[in-house]
Protein backbone atom coordinates (compact mmCIF):
# COMPACT_ATOMS: atom_id res chain seq x y z
CA MET A 1 100.69 176.98 -21.81
CA GLU A 2 99.68 174.92 -24.85
CA ASP A 3 97.07 176.11 -27.35
CA CYS A 4 93.45 174.83 -27.07
CA ILE A 5 93.50 174.42 -30.81
CA PRO A 6 96.93 172.68 -31.38
CA GLN A 7 98.39 172.23 -34.80
CA SER A 8 100.41 169.23 -33.77
CA GLY A 9 99.64 166.63 -36.57
CA GLU A 10 97.41 164.66 -34.09
CA ILE A 11 93.65 164.15 -33.75
CA SER A 12 93.28 167.57 -32.05
CA ASP A 13 94.75 169.32 -35.05
CA PRO A 14 91.72 171.02 -36.77
CA GLU A 15 92.92 169.99 -40.24
CA ILE A 16 93.22 166.32 -39.30
CA TYR A 17 90.06 166.43 -37.26
CA THR A 18 88.13 167.89 -40.23
CA PHE A 19 89.71 165.38 -42.59
CA ILE A 20 88.50 162.48 -40.43
CA PHE A 21 84.94 163.77 -40.59
CA HIS A 22 85.16 164.26 -44.34
CA ILE A 23 86.31 160.57 -44.63
CA LEU A 24 83.37 159.51 -42.46
CA THR A 25 80.99 161.45 -44.68
CA ILE A 26 82.35 159.73 -47.80
CA PHE A 27 82.19 156.36 -46.09
CA MET A 28 78.68 156.68 -44.61
CA THR A 29 76.82 158.28 -47.53
CA PRO A 30 76.61 155.12 -49.74
CA ILE A 31 75.70 153.10 -46.64
CA HIS A 32 72.81 155.44 -45.79
CA VAL A 33 71.58 155.40 -49.42
CA TYR A 34 71.63 151.59 -49.42
CA GLY A 35 69.77 151.54 -46.08
CA THR A 36 67.05 153.78 -47.65
CA TYR A 37 66.95 151.42 -50.64
CA CYS A 38 66.40 148.41 -48.34
CA ILE A 39 63.54 150.14 -46.49
CA PHE A 40 61.80 151.16 -49.69
CA PHE A 41 62.25 148.02 -51.78
CA LYS A 42 63.18 145.13 -49.47
CA THR A 43 60.74 145.53 -46.69
CA PRO A 44 58.36 142.50 -46.76
CA SER A 45 54.57 142.75 -46.23
CA GLN A 46 54.93 141.39 -42.66
CA MET A 47 56.87 144.56 -41.79
CA THR A 48 54.50 147.03 -43.49
CA SER A 49 53.20 148.44 -40.17
CA VAL A 50 56.66 149.46 -39.11
CA LYS A 51 58.15 150.32 -42.55
CA TRP A 52 57.52 154.08 -42.49
CA LEU A 53 58.53 154.43 -38.85
CA MET A 54 61.83 152.76 -39.67
CA LEU A 55 62.21 155.14 -42.58
CA ASN A 56 61.44 158.06 -40.17
CA CYS A 57 64.09 156.85 -37.73
CA HIS A 58 66.56 156.34 -40.56
CA PHE A 59 65.86 159.83 -41.95
CA TRP A 60 66.59 161.56 -38.60
CA ASN A 61 69.75 159.44 -38.20
CA VAL A 62 71.02 160.45 -41.57
CA LEU A 63 70.36 164.10 -40.90
CA LEU A 64 72.17 163.89 -37.58
CA ASP A 65 75.16 162.24 -39.31
CA LEU A 66 75.26 164.92 -41.96
CA SER A 67 74.85 167.80 -39.44
CA ILE A 68 77.73 166.48 -37.32
CA CYS A 69 80.15 165.21 -39.96
CA PHE A 70 79.56 167.67 -42.82
CA LEU A 71 77.59 170.79 -41.89
CA SER A 72 78.96 171.63 -38.46
CA ILE A 73 82.01 169.43 -37.45
CA PRO A 74 81.84 170.65 -33.79
CA TYR A 75 85.21 171.38 -32.15
CA ILE A 76 84.21 171.66 -28.53
CA PHE A 77 86.05 172.93 -25.47
CA HIS A 78 84.35 170.81 -22.88
CA PRO A 79 83.55 171.18 -19.89
CA THR A 80 82.66 174.71 -20.94
CA PHE A 81 79.68 175.09 -23.27
CA SER A 82 81.78 176.55 -26.02
CA GLY A 83 83.31 175.63 -29.37
CA ILE A 84 83.80 176.39 -33.03
CA ALA A 85 82.17 174.94 -36.11
CA LEU A 86 84.67 173.61 -38.78
CA GLY A 87 82.02 172.34 -41.24
CA VAL A 88 80.71 173.89 -44.42
CA ILE A 89 78.44 176.22 -42.46
CA ASP A 90 79.92 178.77 -40.12
CA PHE A 91 76.72 179.44 -38.03
CA PRO A 92 77.40 177.78 -34.65
CA GLU A 93 74.20 179.19 -33.01
CA LEU A 94 72.04 177.34 -35.53
CA GLU A 95 74.29 174.26 -35.68
CA VAL A 96 74.18 173.59 -31.90
CA TYR A 97 70.47 173.82 -31.87
CA LEU A 98 70.23 171.60 -34.99
CA VAL A 99 72.44 168.82 -33.60
CA ILE A 100 70.82 168.76 -30.17
CA THR A 101 67.34 168.84 -31.67
CA LEU A 102 68.14 166.00 -34.11
CA ILE A 103 69.36 163.83 -31.23
CA GLY A 104 65.97 164.43 -29.60
CA LEU A 105 64.13 163.58 -32.84
CA VAL A 106 66.14 160.39 -33.18
CA THR A 107 65.20 159.49 -29.67
CA ILE A 108 61.48 160.08 -30.26
CA SER A 109 61.65 158.16 -33.62
CA ILE A 110 63.00 155.18 -31.65
CA TRP A 111 60.11 155.58 -29.11
CA SER A 112 57.62 155.63 -32.06
CA ILE A 113 58.92 152.25 -33.28
CA HIS A 114 58.48 150.60 -29.96
CA GLU A 115 55.07 152.25 -29.44
CA ASN A 116 53.98 150.97 -32.80
CA ARG A 117 54.95 147.40 -31.86
CA TYR A 118 52.96 147.76 -28.63
CA HIS A 119 49.96 149.14 -30.43
CA VAL A 120 49.93 146.51 -33.24
CA LEU A 121 50.63 143.53 -30.94
CA PHE A 122 48.59 144.38 -27.85
CA GLY A 123 47.26 147.94 -27.54
CA ALA A 124 44.76 147.92 -30.42
CA ASP A 125 42.73 145.01 -28.88
CA ASN A 126 43.42 145.32 -25.14
CA ASN A 127 44.06 149.07 -24.34
CA PRO A 128 41.43 151.37 -25.79
CA ILE A 129 42.70 154.31 -23.67
CA TRP A 130 46.05 153.98 -25.19
CA CYS A 131 44.47 154.05 -28.65
CA LEU A 132 42.98 157.41 -27.85
CA MET A 133 46.17 158.82 -26.30
CA ARG A 134 48.80 157.61 -28.71
CA LYS A 135 48.50 160.16 -31.44
CA PRO A 136 48.25 163.20 -29.18
CA MET A 137 51.21 161.81 -27.24
CA MET A 138 53.25 161.39 -30.37
CA LEU A 139 52.52 165.01 -31.36
CA VAL A 140 53.57 166.21 -27.92
CA ASN A 141 56.78 164.20 -28.05
CA TYR A 142 57.80 165.55 -31.38
CA PHE A 143 56.98 169.01 -30.34
CA ALA A 144 59.04 168.61 -27.25
CA ALA A 145 61.99 167.33 -29.27
CA ILE A 146 61.84 170.43 -31.43
CA THR A 147 61.47 172.90 -28.59
CA TYR A 148 63.33 171.45 -25.57
CA PHE A 149 66.63 173.20 -26.37
CA ILE A 150 65.18 176.61 -27.23
CA PRO A 151 65.24 178.01 -23.69
CA PRO A 152 69.12 178.36 -23.46
CA TYR A 153 68.91 180.68 -26.44
CA PHE A 154 66.83 183.19 -24.51
CA VAL A 155 69.69 183.69 -22.06
CA LEU A 156 72.81 183.64 -24.33
CA PRO A 157 75.66 185.39 -22.55
CA ASP A 158 77.63 188.35 -23.90
CA GLN A 159 80.24 186.49 -26.02
CA ASN A 160 83.17 188.86 -25.27
CA GLN A 161 82.63 188.97 -21.47
CA GLU A 162 82.07 185.23 -21.16
CA PHE A 163 85.11 184.52 -23.32
CA VAL A 164 87.29 186.13 -20.72
CA LYS A 165 85.84 183.79 -18.07
CA ILE A 166 86.37 180.74 -20.22
CA GLN A 167 89.98 181.59 -20.70
CA GLU A 168 90.41 181.46 -16.90
CA ILE A 169 88.69 178.05 -16.65
CA LEU A 170 90.43 176.23 -19.48
CA PRO A 171 93.99 175.00 -18.82
CA CYS A 172 95.11 176.05 -22.32
CA ASN A 173 95.42 179.17 -24.39
CA LEU A 174 92.17 179.86 -26.22
CA GLN A 175 92.02 182.35 -29.11
CA GLN A 176 88.65 183.98 -29.80
CA ALA A 177 88.72 182.84 -33.45
CA TYR A 178 90.40 180.17 -35.56
CA ALA A 179 90.72 180.69 -39.36
CA SER A 180 87.96 183.30 -39.20
CA ARG A 181 85.75 180.84 -37.20
CA LYS A 182 84.63 182.53 -33.98
CA VAL A 183 84.28 180.68 -30.67
CA PHE A 184 80.60 180.36 -29.82
CA ILE A 185 79.66 180.27 -26.05
CA LEU A 186 76.22 178.76 -25.44
CA SER A 187 75.83 179.30 -21.69
CA ALA A 188 77.51 181.21 -18.90
CA GLY A 189 76.93 178.24 -16.52
CA LYS A 190 76.59 174.52 -16.83
CA ASP A 191 73.20 174.00 -15.25
CA PHE A 192 70.54 175.43 -17.54
CA PRO A 193 71.39 173.51 -20.85
CA LEU A 194 71.86 170.35 -18.85
CA TYR A 195 68.47 170.81 -17.11
CA CYS A 196 66.75 171.18 -20.42
CA CYS A 197 68.34 167.97 -21.74
CA PHE A 198 67.73 166.07 -18.56
CA VAL A 199 64.06 166.88 -18.43
CA PHE A 200 63.48 165.92 -22.03
CA TYR A 201 65.44 162.61 -21.82
CA VAL A 202 63.77 161.68 -18.54
CA LEU A 203 60.33 162.03 -20.27
CA ALA A 204 61.48 160.29 -23.46
CA VAL A 205 63.29 157.31 -21.70
CA GLY A 206 60.48 157.12 -19.13
CA GLN A 207 58.05 156.37 -21.89
CA SER A 208 60.36 154.01 -23.89
CA ILE A 209 61.56 151.67 -21.10
CA PRO A 210 58.05 150.68 -19.83
CA LEU A 211 56.93 149.90 -23.46
CA PHE A 212 60.08 147.89 -24.04
CA PHE A 213 59.48 145.69 -20.99
CA ILE A 214 55.78 145.36 -21.56
CA ILE A 215 56.29 144.16 -25.10
CA ILE A 216 58.87 141.58 -23.96
CA ILE A 217 56.78 140.33 -21.02
CA LYS A 218 53.64 140.04 -23.09
CA LEU A 219 55.37 138.16 -25.88
CA ILE A 220 56.86 135.72 -23.36
CA ARG A 221 53.46 135.11 -21.81
CA LYS A 222 51.83 134.51 -25.20
CA SER A 223 54.48 132.08 -26.22
CA ARG A 224 53.79 129.95 -23.08
CA LYS A 225 50.11 129.63 -23.94
CA LYS A 226 48.87 126.73 -26.04
CA GLU A 227 48.16 128.20 -29.44
CA SER A 228 47.49 126.69 -32.85
CA THR A 229 50.36 126.08 -35.29
CA ALA A 230 49.51 129.14 -37.37
CA SER A 231 49.40 131.33 -34.24
CA LEU A 232 52.82 129.96 -33.08
CA LYS A 233 54.35 130.68 -36.49
CA THR A 234 52.92 134.28 -36.43
CA LEU A 235 54.11 134.77 -32.93
CA LYS A 236 57.56 133.57 -33.87
CA MET A 237 57.76 136.04 -36.68
CA ARG A 238 56.55 138.81 -34.37
CA LYS A 239 59.23 137.93 -31.77
CA LYS A 240 61.95 137.94 -34.40
CA LEU A 241 60.87 141.37 -35.60
CA VAL A 242 60.68 142.79 -32.11
CA ILE A 243 64.18 141.35 -31.21
CA ALA A 244 65.60 142.82 -34.43
CA LEU A 245 64.14 146.26 -33.64
CA ILE A 246 65.49 146.09 -30.13
CA ILE A 247 69.01 145.30 -31.34
CA GLN A 248 68.68 147.99 -34.07
CA THR A 249 67.82 150.67 -31.54
CA ILE A 250 69.97 149.57 -28.62
CA SER A 251 73.28 149.09 -30.43
CA PRO A 252 73.72 152.71 -31.58
CA CYS A 253 72.57 153.88 -28.16
CA LEU A 254 75.34 151.87 -26.53
CA LEU A 255 77.83 153.49 -28.88
CA ILE A 256 76.57 157.04 -28.24
CA SER A 257 76.46 156.41 -24.45
CA ILE A 258 80.27 156.28 -24.27
CA PRO A 259 80.85 159.95 -25.27
CA VAL A 260 77.73 161.04 -23.37
CA GLU A 261 79.01 159.51 -20.18
CA TYR A 262 82.43 160.98 -20.68
CA LEU A 263 81.10 164.46 -21.33
CA ALA A 264 78.76 164.28 -18.23
CA LEU A 265 81.62 163.12 -16.06
CA ALA A 266 83.97 165.75 -17.47
CA THR A 267 81.29 168.40 -16.72
CA TYR A 268 80.92 167.21 -13.18
CA LEU A 269 84.66 166.99 -12.51
CA ASN A 270 85.44 170.13 -14.58
CA TYR A 271 87.90 168.03 -16.52
CA TYR A 272 89.44 169.17 -19.82
CA ASN A 273 91.12 166.77 -22.29
CA THR A 274 91.29 168.06 -25.90
CA SER A 275 92.01 164.56 -27.41
CA LEU A 276 89.03 162.93 -25.58
CA ASN A 277 86.83 165.81 -26.63
CA ARG A 278 87.70 165.13 -30.25
CA PHE A 279 87.32 161.39 -29.89
CA SER A 280 83.88 161.79 -28.28
CA MET A 281 82.65 163.82 -31.19
CA ILE A 282 83.92 161.28 -33.68
CA LEU A 283 82.01 158.55 -31.85
CA PHE A 284 78.88 160.80 -32.14
CA GLY A 285 79.56 160.96 -35.82
CA LEU A 286 79.62 157.12 -36.11
CA HIS A 287 76.15 156.74 -34.44
CA GLY A 288 74.07 157.04 -37.57
CA VAL A 289 76.13 154.64 -39.74
CA CYS A 290 76.20 152.17 -36.89
CA SER A 291 72.39 152.38 -36.75
CA THR A 292 72.13 151.82 -40.53
CA LEU A 293 74.50 148.80 -40.60
CA THR A 294 72.76 147.27 -37.61
CA MET A 295 69.42 147.66 -39.39
CA ILE A 296 70.68 146.02 -42.54
CA PHE A 297 72.21 143.01 -40.80
CA VAL A 298 69.69 142.31 -38.04
CA HIS A 299 66.63 142.29 -40.21
CA GLN A 300 66.58 139.00 -42.28
CA PRO A 301 65.09 140.46 -45.52
CA TYR A 302 67.70 143.23 -45.67
CA ARG A 303 70.50 140.82 -44.78
CA GLU A 304 69.49 138.35 -47.42
CA ALA A 305 69.12 141.13 -50.06
CA THR A 306 72.58 142.34 -49.15
CA VAL A 307 74.13 138.84 -49.51
CA ASP A 308 72.30 138.43 -52.86
CA ASN A 309 73.54 141.82 -54.07
CA PHE A 310 77.11 141.02 -53.01
CA TYR A 311 76.90 137.64 -54.80
CA TRP A 312 75.58 139.32 -57.89
CA LEU A 313 78.42 141.86 -57.88
CA MET A 314 81.03 139.07 -57.52
CA MET A 315 79.49 137.13 -60.46
CA CYS A 316 79.47 140.31 -62.64
CA ARG A 317 83.15 140.86 -61.72
CA GLN A 318 84.11 137.26 -62.63
CA ASN A 319 82.17 137.47 -65.91
CA SER A 320 83.84 140.73 -66.84
CA LYS A 321 87.28 139.19 -66.19
CA LYS A 322 86.40 136.21 -68.44
CA ILE A 323 85.28 138.51 -71.24
CA SER A 324 88.42 140.59 -70.99
CA VAL A 325 90.69 137.44 -71.02
CA ALA A 326 88.92 135.65 -73.95
CA PRO A 327 90.27 137.83 -76.87
CA THR A 328 93.80 137.49 -75.57
CA THR A 329 93.48 133.72 -75.55
CA MET A 330 92.10 133.53 -79.07
CA HIS A 331 94.86 135.82 -80.40
CA SER A 332 97.57 133.61 -78.96
């Protein structure tokens, strides 16, 4: 029987797996910093109403990336709710809660952006009930994101007893520790943590999807009405911003849906594949940088600023080459 933590020189090797996440951290850090710069200094006045909400979403995405790729580096033994943390912090109980909670906070921050678009475009004038409900609902949503994964911690199993059961389930030889990192087992069964996640995401997605379609339908209806030239220009700008925000939020969600669907299917089928488990976590780690890159390139002000900055860097490089070549030419 092969080891659950193989040292084979492949992606499942803990050293290579950790190295991949360290490379991702080095790669994504300047991108996240540049994304923050764009939000602070390149957001035009037309986007002021959504600026701080975009920064809020970006902030939670960056924290999620850092928690996965640097702090925890989860090495999971799915379909069991167990794994080890290979990151700089060896505190898996906290790290599991942190990662799951940050995913919830990212979800609610995306909902907040779409809610803001609805409120600014339609709700403030046409839906006074929503104006009264929106802030309490936002507080409830953020409170739910922080607390929805606390219940499983009230029923943590005895780690030694549950480890024996997991050894019987997994088709590989699992040691209780790797390089002094102990295996952490979140739940004795599969149901309770999944129920907590399911209830939260049904509530979150159940709020986001109606807002998404209401905004699209209302914008289409408005564009079909006969408006003045100024109104049409304003409407066109609003549509561009809404479309950009939709692309910004959907693209990373599509990326993260791949590992989520695999993990859900593996849980249902009780299927274990160590390479796919590693690959799914790497895709999770790419979620934040994908979100930042999408934000930079779908919003015209950020895209234009990026092109200008790239052009300026190229010009500086060419000028520095000319300066370094000039003395040699004069000497000859």
